Amino acid sequence: MKLLVPGVDLSVQASPGPLSELELALQGEHAAQAREKALAALGAIEDRLRSKAAAGLPPADYAVLTALQDACQAARETLTIPVHRP
């Protein structure tokens, strides 16, 4: 997703280039390895979040932890979407 910034020329904002190094890697020759590395990193983050939750959290921190877990799940789903290249 590209953000549109008010007052900035649309031709600059709508460039088709990758948003991040991960997006670039996922488009490259070693996409499968990049995907596996990203999924492993997500797994490690999720493990740390579960450990924090198991230790007990104040209600406000629990809400943040839940949002982080949701973000990890969304990232995992995005990384595992089948890619169809022409």
PDB file of N, CA and C in Angstrom:
ATOM      1  N   MET A   1       0.840  -1.162   0.000  1.00  0.00           N
ATOM      2  CA  MET A   1       0.000   0.000   0.000  1.00  0.00           C
ATOM      3  C   MET A   1       0.888   1.229   0.000  1.00  0.00           C
ATOM      4  N   LYS A   2       0.657   2.117  -0.924  1.00  0.00           N
ATOM      5  CA  LYS A   2       1.413   3.351  -0.992  1.00  0.00           C
ATOM      6  C   LYS A   2       0.559   4.467  -0.413  1.00  0.00           C
ATOM      7  N   LEU A   3       1.177   5.308   0.371  1.00  0.00           N
ATOM      8  CA  LEU A   3       0.459   6.423   0.967  1.00  0.00           C
ATOM      9  C   LEU A   3       0.503   7.622   0.039  1.00  0.00           C
ATOM     10  N   LEU A   4      -0.599   8.319  -0.052  1.00  0.00           N
ATOM     11  CA  LEU A   4      -0.644   9.543  -0.832  1.00  0.00           C
ATOM     12  C   LEU A   4      -0.428  10.712   0.116  1.00  0.00           C
ATOM     13  N   VAL A   5       0.563  11.510  -0.188  1.00  0.00           N
ATOM     14  CA  VAL A   5       0.914  12.634   0.667  1.00  0.00           C
ATOM     15  C   VAL A   5       0.403  13.914   0.017  1.00  0.00           C
ATOM     16  N   PRO A   6      -0.482  14.649   0.714  1.00  0.00           N
ATOM     17  CA  PRO A   6      -1.002  15.896   0.148  1.00  0.00           C
ATOM     18  C   PRO A   6       0.123  16.878  -0.174  1.00  0.00           C
ATOM     19  N   GLY A   7      -0.001  17.531  -1.319  1.00  0.00           N
ATOM     20  CA  GLY A   7       0.974  18.540  -1.702  1.00  0.00           C
ATOM     21  C   GLY A   7       2.196  17.999  -2.413  1.00  0.00           C
ATOM     22  N   VAL A   8       2.298  16.685  -2.568  1.00  0.00           N
ATOM     23  CA  VAL A   8       3.445  16.081  -3.247  1.00  0.00           C
ATOM     24  C   VAL A   8       2.967  15.582  -4.606  1.00  0.00           C
ATOM     25  N   ASP A   9       3.768  15.814  -5.625  1.00  0.00           N
ATOM     26  CA  ASP A   9       3.449  15.430  -6.995  1.00  0.00           C
ATOM     27  C   ASP A   9       3.045  13.953  -7.053  1.00  0.00           C
ATOM     28  N   LEU A  10       1.885  13.652  -7.635  1.00  0.00           N
ATOM     29  CA  LEU A  10       1.385  12.284  -7.711  1.00  0.00           C
ATOM     30  C   LEU A  10       2.313  11.354  -8.488  1.00  0.00           C
ATOM     31  N   SER A  11       3.024  11.870  -9.476  1.00  0.00           N
ATOM     32  CA  SER A  11       3.922  11.003 -10.248  1.00  0.00           C
ATOM     33  C   SER A  11       5.049  10.475  -9.366  1.00  0.00           C
ATOM     34  N   VAL A  12       5.426  11.231  -8.359  1.00  0.00           N
ATOM     35  CA  VAL A  12       6.469  10.779  -7.436  1.00  0.00           C
ATOM     36  C   VAL A  12       5.892   9.742  -6.475  1.00  0.00           C
ATOM     37  N   GLN A  13       4.669   9.973  -6.011  1.00  0.00           N
ATOM     38  CA  GLN A  13       4.047   9.092  -5.032  1.00  0.00           C
ATOM     39  C   GLN A  13       3.625   7.758  -5.626  1.00  0.00           C
ATOM     40  N   ALA A  14       3.276   7.734  -6.874  1.00  0.00           N
ATOM     41  CA  ALA A  14       2.724   6.525  -7.477  1.00  0.00           C
ATOM     42  C   ALA A  14       3.783   5.664  -8.150  1.00  0.00           C
ATOM     43  N   SER A  15       5.047   5.847  -7.794  1.00  0.00           N
ATOM     44  CA  SER A  15       6.098   5.049  -8.414  1.00  0.00           C
ATOM     45  C   SER A  15       5.871   3.570  -8.108  1.00  0.00           C
ATOM     46  N   PRO A  16       6.104   2.700  -9.070  1.00  0.00           N
ATOM     47  CA  PRO A  16       5.810   1.275  -8.890  1.00  0.00           C
ATOM     48  C   PRO A  16       6.872   0.512  -8.106  1.00  0.00           C
ATOM     49  N   GLY A  17       7.837   1.184  -7.542  1.00  0.00           N
ATOM     50  CA  GLY A  17       8.919   0.495  -6.845  1.00  0.00           C
ATOM     51  C   GLY A  17       8.477  -0.146  -5.548  1.00  0.00           C
ATOM     52  N   PRO A  18       9.302  -1.049  -5.009  1.00  0.00           N
ATOM     53  CA  PRO A  18       8.976  -1.736  -3.761  1.00  0.00           C
ATOM     54  C   PRO A  18       8.964  -0.774  -2.573  1.00  0.00           C
ATOM     55  N   LEU A  19       8.161  -1.107  -1.563  1.00  0.00           N
ATOM     56  CA  LEU A  19       8.066  -0.290  -0.357  1.00  0.00           C
ATOM     57  C   LEU A  19       9.185  -0.576   0.634  1.00  0.00           C
ATOM     58  N   SER A  20       9.710  -1.794   0.604  1.00  0.00           N
ATOM     59  CA  SER A  20      10.700  -2.179   1.608  1.00  0.00           C
ATOM     60  C   SER A  20      11.682  -3.184   1.030  1.00  0.00           C
ATOM     61  N   GLU A  21      12.716  -3.458   1.798  1.00  0.00           N
ATOM     62  CA  GLU A  21      13.683  -4.477   1.382  1.00  0.00           C
ATOM     63  C   GLU A  21      13.014  -5.845   1.301  1.00  0.00           C
ATOM     64  N   LEU A  22      12.049  -6.098   2.201  1.00  0.00           N
ATOM     65  CA  LEU A  22      11.344  -7.379   2.157  1.00  0.00           C
ATOM     66  C   LEU A  22      10.544  -7.506   0.871  1.00  0.00           C
ATOM     67  N   GLU A  23       9.821  -6.461   0.496  1.00  0.00           N
ATOM     68  CA  GLU A  23       9.048  -6.520  -0.749  1.00  0.00           C
ATOM     69  C   GLU A  23       9.974  -6.753  -1.942  1.00  0.00           C
ATOM     70  N   LEU A  24      11.100  -6.100  -1.949  1.00  0.00           N
ATOM     71  CA  LEU A  24      12.075  -6.283  -3.017  1.00  0.00           C
ATOM     72  C   LEU A  24      12.576  -7.728  -3.037  1.00  0.00           C
ATOM     73  N   ALA A  25      12.897  -8.269  -1.859  1.00  0.00           N
ATOM     74  CA  ALA A  25      13.389  -9.648  -1.772  1.00  0.00           C
ATOM     75  C   ALA A  25      12.329 -10.641  -2.229  1.00  0.00           C
ATOM     76  N   LEU A  26      11.066 -10.365  -1.909  1.00  0.00           N
ATOM     77  CA  LEU A  26       9.985 -11.275  -2.293  1.00  0.00           C
ATOM     78  C   LEU A  26       9.730 -11.269  -3.795  1.00  0.00           C
ATOM     79  N   GLN A  27      10.257 -10.274  -4.476  1.00  0.00           N
ATOM     80  CA  GLN A  27      10.123 -10.203  -5.925  1.00  0.00           C
ATOM     81  C   GLN A  27      11.352 -10.765  -6.634  1.00  0.00           C
ATOM     82  N   GLY A  28      12.373 -11.085  -5.867  1.00  0.00           N
ATOM     83  CA  GLY A  28      13.644 -11.490  -6.456  1.00  0.00           C
ATOM     84  C   GLY A  28      13.802 -12.983  -6.656  1.00  0.00           C
ATOM     85  N   GLU A  29      15.007 -13.327  -7.035  1.00  0.00           N
ATOM     86  CA  GLU A  29      15.373 -14.705  -7.362  1.00  0.00           C
ATOM     87  C   GLU A  29      15.237 -15.647  -6.167  1.00  0.00           C
ATOM     88  N   HIS A  30      15.466 -15.121  -4.975  1.00  0.00           N
ATOM     89  CA  HIS A  30      15.434 -15.941  -3.757  1.00  0.00           C
ATOM     90  C   HIS A  30      14.189 -15.644  -2.927  1.00  0.00           C
ATOM     91  N   ALA A  31      13.060 -15.486  -3.607  1.00  0.00           N
ATOM     92  CA  ALA A  31      11.805 -15.123  -2.942  1.00  0.00           C
ATOM     93  C   ALA A  31      11.387 -16.161  -1.900  1.00  0.00           C
ATOM     94  N   ALA A  32      11.540 -17.427  -2.217  1.00  0.00           N
ATOM     95  CA  ALA A  32      11.119 -18.477  -1.278  1.00  0.00           C
ATOM     96  C   ALA A  32      11.915 -18.391   0.022  1.00  0.00           C
ATOM     97  N   GLN A  33      13.221 -18.156  -0.097  1.00  0.00           N
ATOM     98  CA  GLN A  33      14.058 -18.039   1.095  1.00  0.00           C
ATOM     99  C   GLN A  33      13.693 -16.781   1.895  1.00  0.00           C
ATOM    100  N   ALA A  34      13.427 -15.687   1.206  1.00  0.00           N
ATOM    101  CA  ALA A  34      13.033 -14.445   1.880  1.00  0.00           C
ATOM    102  C   ALA A  34      11.718 -14.637   2.619  1.00  0.00           C
ATOM    103  N   ARG A  35      10.783 -15.345   1.987  1.00  0.00           N
ATOM    104  CA  ARG A  35       9.485 -15.616   2.607  1.00  0.00           C
ATOM    105  C   ARG A  35       9.678 -16.463   3.862  1.00  0.00           C
ATOM    106  N   GLU A  36      10.477 -17.522   3.765  1.00  0.00           N
ATOM    107  CA  GLU A  36      10.714 -18.389   4.923  1.00  0.00           C
ATOM    108  C   GLU A  36      11.403 -17.631   6.060  1.00  0.00           C
ATOM    109  N   LYS A  37      12.340 -16.774   5.722  1.00  0.00           N
ATOM    110  CA  LYS A  37      13.039 -15.981   6.737  1.00  0.00           C
ATOM    111  C   LYS A  37      12.053 -15.029   7.432  1.00  0.00           C
ATOM    112  N   ALA A  38      11.189 -14.397   6.661  1.00  0.00           N
ATOM    113  CA  ALA A  38      10.196 -13.482   7.229  1.00  0.00           C
ATOM    114  C   ALA A  38       9.202 -14.239   8.104  1.00  0.00           C
ATOM    115  N   LEU A  39       8.777 -15.418   7.654  1.00  0.00           N
ATOM    116  CA  LEU A  39       7.851 -16.221   8.457  1.00  0.00           C
ATOM    117  C   LEU A  39       8.503 -16.691   9.760  1.00  0.00           C
ATOM    118  N   ALA A  40       9.783 -17.022   9.705  1.00  0.00           N
ATOM    119  CA  ALA A  40      10.503 -17.423  10.912  1.00  0.00           C
ATOM    120  C   ALA A  40      10.603 -16.252  11.889  1.00  0.00           C
ATOM    121  N   ALA A  41      10.873 -15.063  11.365  1.00  0.00           N
ATOM    122  CA  ALA A  41      10.945 -13.871  12.219  1.00  0.00           C
ATOM    123  C   ALA A  41       9.582 -13.596  12.858  1.00  0.00           C
ATOM    124  N   LEU A  42       8.518 -13.750  12.091  1.00  0.00           N
ATOM    125  CA  LEU A  42       7.170 -13.578  12.651  1.00  0.00           C
ATOM    126  C   LEU A  42       6.913 -14.603  13.748  1.00  0.00           C
ATOM    127  N   GLY A  43       7.323 -15.826  13.521  1.00  0.00           N
ATOM    128  CA  GLY A  43       7.157 -16.862  14.534  1.00  0.00           C
ATOM    129  C   GLY A  43       7.865 -16.507  15.828  1.00  0.00           C
ATOM    130  N   ALA A  44       9.077 -15.973  15.709  1.00  0.00           N
ATOM    131  CA  ALA A  44       9.834 -15.570  16.902  1.00  0.00           C
ATOM    132  C   ALA A  44       9.133 -14.419  17.634  1.00  0.00           C
ATOM    133  N   ILE A  45       8.610 -13.475  16.875  1.00  0.00           N
ATOM    134  CA  ILE A  45       7.874 -12.356  17.491  1.00  0.00           C
ATOM    135  C   ILE A  45       6.633 -12.890  18.212  1.00  0.00           C
ATOM    136  N   GLU A  46       5.909 -13.769  17.544  1.00  0.00           N
ATOM    137  CA  GLU A  46       4.695 -14.339  18.163  1.00  0.00           C
ATOM    138  C   GLU A  46       5.029 -15.120  19.428  1.00  0.00           C
ATOM    139  N   ASP A  47       6.145 -15.845  19.433  1.00  0.00           N
ATOM    140  CA  ASP A  47       6.570 -16.574  20.632  1.00  0.00           C
ATOM    141  C   ASP A  47       6.840 -15.614  21.785  1.00  0.00           C
ATOM    142  N   ARG A  48       7.529 -14.509  21.493  1.00  0.00           N
ATOM    143  CA  ARG A  48       7.808 -13.511  22.534  1.00  0.00           C
ATOM    144  C   ARG A  48       6.512 -12.890  23.054  1.00  0.00           C
ATOM    145  N   LEU A  49       5.577 -12.614  22.165  1.00  0.00           N
ATOM    146  CA  LEU A  49       4.295 -12.046  22.592  1.00  0.00           C
ATOM    147  C   LEU A  49       3.536 -13.025  23.489  1.00  0.00           C
ATOM    148  N   ARG A  50       3.531 -14.302  23.128  1.00  0.00           N
ATOM    149  CA  ARG A  50       2.856 -15.304  23.958  1.00  0.00           C
ATOM    150  C   ARG A  50       3.512 -15.411  25.330  1.00  0.00           C
ATOM    151  N   SER A  51       4.842 -15.326  25.378  1.00  0.00           N
ATOM    152  CA  SER A  51       5.555 -15.378  26.663  1.00  0.00           C
ATOM    153  C   SER A  51       5.187 -14.193  27.534  1.00  0.00           C
ATOM    154  N   LYS A  52       5.111 -13.014  26.923  1.00  0.00           N
ATOM    155  CA  LYS A  52       4.708 -11.806  27.670  1.00  0.00           C
ATOM    156  C   LYS A  52       3.298 -11.969  28.220  1.00  0.00           C
ATOM    157  N   ALA A  53       2.390 -12.489  27.397  1.00  0.00           N
ATOM    158  CA  ALA A  53       1.004 -12.657  27.822  1.00  0.00           C
ATOM    159  C   ALA A  53       0.910 -13.667  28.970  1.00  0.00           C
ATOM    160  N   ALA A  54       1.682 -14.735  28.881  1.00  0.00           N
ATOM    161  CA  ALA A  54       1.652 -15.768  29.913  1.00  0.00           C
ATOM    162  C   ALA A  54       2.149 -15.242  31.250  1.00  0.00           C
ATOM    163  N   ALA A  55       3.031 -14.247  31.212  1.00  0.00           N
ATOM    164  CA  ALA A  55       3.576 -13.668  32.433  1.00  0.00           C
ATOM    165  C   ALA A  55       2.576 -12.739  33.116  1.00  0.00           C
ATOM    166  N   GLY A  56       1.511 -12.386  32.401  1.00  0.00           N
ATOM    167  CA  GLY A  56       0.502 -11.481  32.958  1.00  0.00           C
ATOM    168  C   GLY A  56       0.768 -10.047  32.558  1.00  0.00           C
ATOM    169  N   LEU A  57      -0.281  -9.354  32.192  1.00  0.00           N
ATOM    170  CA  LEU A  57      -0.167  -7.977  31.709  1.00  0.00           C
ATOM    171  C   LEU A  57      -1.282  -7.109  32.277  1.00  0.00           C
ATOM    172  N   PRO A  58      -1.004  -5.819  32.440  1.00  0.00           N
ATOM    173  CA  PRO A  58      -2.087  -4.899  32.767  1.00  0.00           C
ATOM    174  C   PRO A  58      -3.044  -4.800  31.572  1.00  0.00           C
ATOM    175  N   PRO A  59      -4.298  -4.430  31.801  1.00  0.00           N
ATOM    176  CA  PRO A  59      -5.279  -4.373  30.712  1.00  0.00           C
ATOM    177  C   PRO A  59      -4.827  -3.544  29.505  1.00  0.00           C
ATOM    178  N   ALA A  60      -4.224  -2.397  29.711  1.00  0.00           N
ATOM    179  CA  ALA A  60      -3.794  -1.560  28.580  1.00  0.00           C
ATOM    180  C   ALA A  60      -2.719  -2.266  27.765  1.00  0.00           C
ATOM    181  N   ASP A  61      -1.808  -2.948  28.424  1.00  0.00           N
ATOM    182  CA  ASP A  61      -0.761  -3.676  27.711  1.00  0.00           C
ATOM    183  C   ASP A  61      -1.331  -4.879  26.968  1.00  0.00           C
ATOM    184  N   TYR A  62      -2.372  -5.488  27.539  1.00  0.00           N
ATOM    185  CA  TYR A  62      -3.004  -6.618  26.876  1.00  0.00           C
ATOM    186  C   TYR A  62      -3.619  -6.185  25.548  1.00  0.00           C
ATOM    187  N   ALA A  63      -4.227  -5.008  25.526  1.00  0.00           N
ATOM    188  CA  ALA A  63      -4.822  -4.500  24.284  1.00  0.00           C
ATOM    189  C   ALA A  63      -3.744  -4.289  23.220  1.00  0.00           C
ATOM    190  N   VAL A  64      -2.593  -3.772  23.618  1.00  0.00           N
ATOM    191  CA  VAL A  64      -1.489  -3.573  22.676  1.00  0.00           C
ATOM    192  C   VAL A  64      -0.968  -4.922  22.190  1.00  0.00           C
ATOM    193  N   LEU A  65      -0.805  -5.863  23.105  1.00  0.00           N
ATOM    194  CA  LEU A  65      -0.317  -7.186  22.739  1.00  0.00           C
ATOM    195  C   LEU A  65      -1.274  -7.857  21.755  1.00  0.00           C
ATOM    196  N   THR A  66      -2.552  -7.730  21.986  1.00  0.00           N
ATOM    197  CA  THR A  66      -3.538  -8.309  21.081  1.00  0.00           C
ATOM    198  C   THR A  66      -3.434  -7.690  19.690  1.00  0.00           C
ATOM    199  N   ALA A  67      -3.251  -6.386  19.627  1.00  0.00           N
ATOM    200  CA  ALA A  67      -3.095  -5.710  18.333  1.00  0.00           C
ATOM    201  C   ALA A  67      -1.829  -6.185  17.631  1.00  0.00           C
ATOM    202  N   LEU A  68      -0.756  -6.391  18.376  1.00  0.00           N
ATOM    203  CA  LEU A  68       0.484  -6.894  17.782  1.00  0.00           C
ATOM    204  C   LEU A  68       0.312  -8.313  17.258  1.00  0.00           C
ATOM    205  N   GLN A  69      -0.397  -9.146  18.005  1.00  0.00           N
ATOM    206  CA  GLN A  69      -0.663 -10.505  17.537  1.00  0.00           C
ATOM    207  C   GLN A  69      -1.514 -10.486  16.264  1.00  0.00           C
ATOM    208  N   ASP A  70      -2.487  -9.597  16.227  1.00  0.00           N
ATOM    209  CA  ASP A  70      -3.310  -9.460  15.016  1.00  0.00           C
ATOM    210  C   ASP A  70      -2.455  -9.022  13.823  1.00  0.00           C
ATOM    211  N   ALA A  71      -1.524  -8.107  14.061  1.00  0.00           N
ATOM    212  CA  ALA A  71      -0.640  -7.648  12.983  1.00  0.00           C
ATOM    213  C   ALA A  71       0.255  -8.787  12.490  1.00  0.00           C
ATOM    214  N   CYS A  72       0.748  -9.597  13.410  1.00  0.00           N
ATOM    215  CA  CYS A  72       1.566 -10.756  13.021  1.00  0.00           C
ATOM    216  C   CYS A  72       0.749 -11.722  12.176  1.00  0.00           C
ATOM    217  N   GLN A  73      -0.488 -11.958  12.577  1.00  0.00           N
ATOM    218  CA  GLN A  73      -1.346 -12.869  11.818  1.00  0.00           C
ATOM    219  C   GLN A  73      -1.611 -12.317  10.412  1.00  0.00           C
ATOM    220  N   ALA A  74      -1.866 -11.019  10.321  1.00  0.00           N
ATOM    221  CA  ALA A  74      -2.101 -10.405   9.006  1.00  0.00           C
ATOM    222  C   ALA A  74      -0.854 -10.510   8.134  1.00  0.00           C
ATOM    223  N   ALA A  75       0.307 -10.296   8.728  1.00  0.00           N
ATOM    224  CA  ALA A  75       1.556 -10.416   7.971  1.00  0.00           C
ATOM    225  C   ALA A  75       1.755 -11.856   7.503  1.00  0.00           C
ATOM    226  N   ARG A  76       1.477 -12.813   8.389  1.00  0.00           N
ATOM    227  CA  ARG A  76       1.612 -14.240   8.022  1.00  0.00           C
ATOM    228  C   ARG A  76       0.676 -14.578   6.863  1.00  0.00           C
ATOM    229  N   GLU A  77      -0.569 -14.114   6.946  1.00  0.00           N
ATOM    230  CA  GLU A  77      -1.530 -14.379   5.868  1.00  0.00           C
ATOM    231  C   GLU A  77      -1.067 -13.749   4.559  1.00  0.00           C
ATOM    232  N   THR A  78      -0.527 -12.547   4.634  1.00  0.00           N
ATOM    233  CA  THR A  78      -0.039 -11.865   3.431  1.00  0.00           C
ATOM    234  C   THR A  78       1.130 -12.626   2.813  1.00  0.00           C
ATOM    235  N   LEU A  79       2.044 -13.098   3.651  1.00  0.00           N
ATOM    236  CA  LEU A  79       3.217 -13.809   3.144  1.00  0.00           C
ATOM    237  C   LEU A  79       2.882 -15.183   2.577  1.00  0.00           C
ATOM    238  N   THR A  80       1.742 -15.736   2.956  1.00  0.00           N
ATOM    239  CA  THR A  80       1.409 -17.081   2.482  1.00  0.00           C
ATOM    240  C   THR A  80       0.353 -17.081   1.373  1.00  0.00           C
ATOM    241  N   ILE A  81      -0.013 -15.911   0.874  1.00  0.00           N
ATOM    242  CA  ILE A  81      -0.923 -15.827  -0.270  1.00  0.00           C
ATOM    243  C   ILE A  81      -0.198 -16.401  -1.486  1.00  0.00           C
ATOM    244  N   PRO A  82      -0.838 -17.320  -2.200  1.00  0.00           N
ATOM    245  CA  PRO A  82      -0.196 -17.867  -3.412  1.00  0.00           C
ATOM    246  C   PRO A  82       0.096 -16.750  -4.416  1.00  0.00           C
ATOM    247  N   VAL A  83       1.290 -16.781  -4.964  1.00  0.00           N
ATOM    248  CA  VAL A  83       1.709 -15.762  -5.946  1.00  0.00           C
ATOM    249  C   VAL A  83       1.627 -16.359  -7.336  1.00  0.00           C
ATOM    250  N   HIS A  84       0.915 -15.675  -8.201  1.00  0.00           N
ATOM    251  CA  HIS A  84       0.800 -16.112  -9.598  1.00  0.00           C
ATOM    252  C   HIS A  84       1.526 -15.101 -10.472  1.00  0.00           C
ATOM    253  N   ARG A  85       2.632 -15.512 -11.021  1.00  0.00           N
ATOM    254  CA  ARG A  85       3.416 -14.618 -11.882  1.00  0.00           C
ATOM    255  C   ARG A  85       3.140 -14.973 -13.338  1.00  0.00           C
ATOM    256  N   PRO A  86       2.997 -13.933 -14.173  1.00  0.00           N
ATOM    257  CA  PRO A  86       2.774 -14.193 -15.621  1.00  0.00           C
ATOM    258  C   PRO A  86       3.974 -14.810 -16.282  1.00  0.00           C
TER     259      PRO A  86
END
